[in-house]
Structure formats: structure tokens, C-alpha cells
Protein backbone atom coordinates (compact mmCIF):
# COMPACT_ATOMS: atom_id res chain seq x y z
CA LEU A 1 -28.32 97.79 20.42
CA SER A 2 -25.89 99.00 17.83
CA GLY A 3 -24.27 101.23 20.35
CA LEU A 4 -23.77 98.38 22.68
CA CYS A 5 -22.09 96.42 19.86
CA LEU A 6 -19.67 99.38 19.34
CA VAL A 7 -18.90 99.44 23.07
CA HIS A 8 -18.30 95.73 23.20
CA CYS A 9 -16.04 95.77 20.16
CA LEU A 10 -13.90 98.69 21.47
CA ALA A 11 -13.71 97.14 24.83
CA THR A 12 -12.64 93.74 23.51
CA SER A 13 -9.95 95.40 21.31
CA ILE A 14 -8.58 97.34 24.19
CA ALA A 15 -8.62 94.47 26.51
CA LEU A 16 -6.74 92.34 24.02
CA ALA A 17 -4.18 95.03 23.40
CA LEU A 18 -3.57 95.23 27.18
CA LEU A 19 -3.24 91.44 27.46
CA SER A 20 -0.87 91.20 24.66
CA SER A 21 1.39 93.70 26.22
CA ALA A 22 1.19 92.07 29.71
CA GLY A 23 4.01 89.73 28.85
CA SER A 24 6.51 92.55 28.64
CA LEU A 25 5.09 94.17 31.79
CA ILE A 26 5.20 91.02 33.84
CA GLY A 27 8.47 89.96 32.45
CA SER A 28 7.50 86.29 31.84
CA ASP A 29 7.02 84.49 28.58
CA TRP A 30 4.49 82.11 29.85
CA ILE A 31 1.71 84.68 29.24
CA HIS A 32 2.44 84.68 25.56
CA GLU A 33 2.43 80.78 25.45
CA PHE A 34 -0.89 80.78 27.35
CA GLY A 35 -2.44 83.39 24.90
CA LEU A 36 -1.26 81.20 21.95
CA ILE A 37 -2.87 78.10 23.40
CA LEU A 38 -6.08 80.20 23.92
CA ALA A 39 -6.04 81.51 20.42
CA MET A 40 -5.40 78.15 18.94
CA GLY A 41 -8.26 76.63 20.90
CA MET A 42 -10.70 79.31 19.97
CA GLY A 43 -9.52 79.43 16.39
CA LEU A 44 -10.04 75.58 16.19
CA ILE A 45 -13.59 75.89 17.24
CA ALA A 46 -14.48 79.09 15.32
CA LEU A 47 -12.73 78.23 12.06
CA GLY A 48 -13.89 74.66 12.15
CA LYS A 49 -17.47 75.62 12.77
CA GLY A 50 -17.36 78.14 9.85
CA VAL A 51 -16.20 75.47 7.43
CA PHE A 52 -18.93 73.10 8.51
CA GLU A 53 -21.64 75.73 8.34
CA HIS A 54 -20.57 77.60 5.11
CA GLY A 55 -18.63 74.81 3.32
CA TYR A 56 -15.95 77.26 2.32
CA ALA A 57 -12.38 76.67 3.68
CA MET A 58 -10.48 79.75 2.49
CA PRO A 59 -11.25 81.88 5.71
CA SER A 60 -10.13 78.84 7.79
CA ALA A 61 -6.99 78.57 5.75
CA VAL A 62 -6.16 82.27 6.29
CA GLY A 63 -7.06 82.02 9.93
CA GLY A 64 -4.76 78.96 10.29
CA LEU A 65 -2.00 80.76 8.59
CA GLY A 66 -2.26 83.65 11.12
CA LEU A 67 -2.17 81.08 14.01
CA GLY A 68 0.91 79.52 12.42
CA VAL A 69 2.56 82.83 12.22
CA MET A 70 1.85 83.51 15.86
CA ALA A 71 3.19 80.13 16.78
CA GLY A 72 6.34 80.68 14.70
CA ALA A 73 6.96 84.00 16.51
CA LEU A 74 7.28 82.09 19.78
CA THR A 75 9.83 79.70 18.50
């Protein structure tokens, strides 16, 4: 089970790296905007759930800062 977790984590990292560079390969900016929308939606769900479950807002604030930096990079 631990080996499957390792394969999953590596495959996810590689897939995200390939998707993040796809915008330059395709030559279109919409892929970055779509990725940001996806990241913001998933971040809202995951970070919000973390605050409600654990009652600690600092990880959510750091995650929100990271999403803000990503949004700022697109402007």
C-alpha cells in the first residue's frame, strides 16, 4: 500500500508539471486561467474543510496566499 502511495504521488507530480507547461506548448493563455480556476476551486474546498475540521486557520491563510500569488502572476 505504501508503494502505491509513492507511485500515486510521483504520477500526480509529473502530471501537474506537464499540465503547467502545456500552456507554453499549446501557445494559449486560457490553459493557465483554467488551471487557476481549478486550483482556486479545489483550494476553497480543501482549505475550508481543513479550517472546519481542525479549527486552525494558519494553513488556510498560507494556502490562500499561494493562490493569491498564482492569481497575481496571471494579471
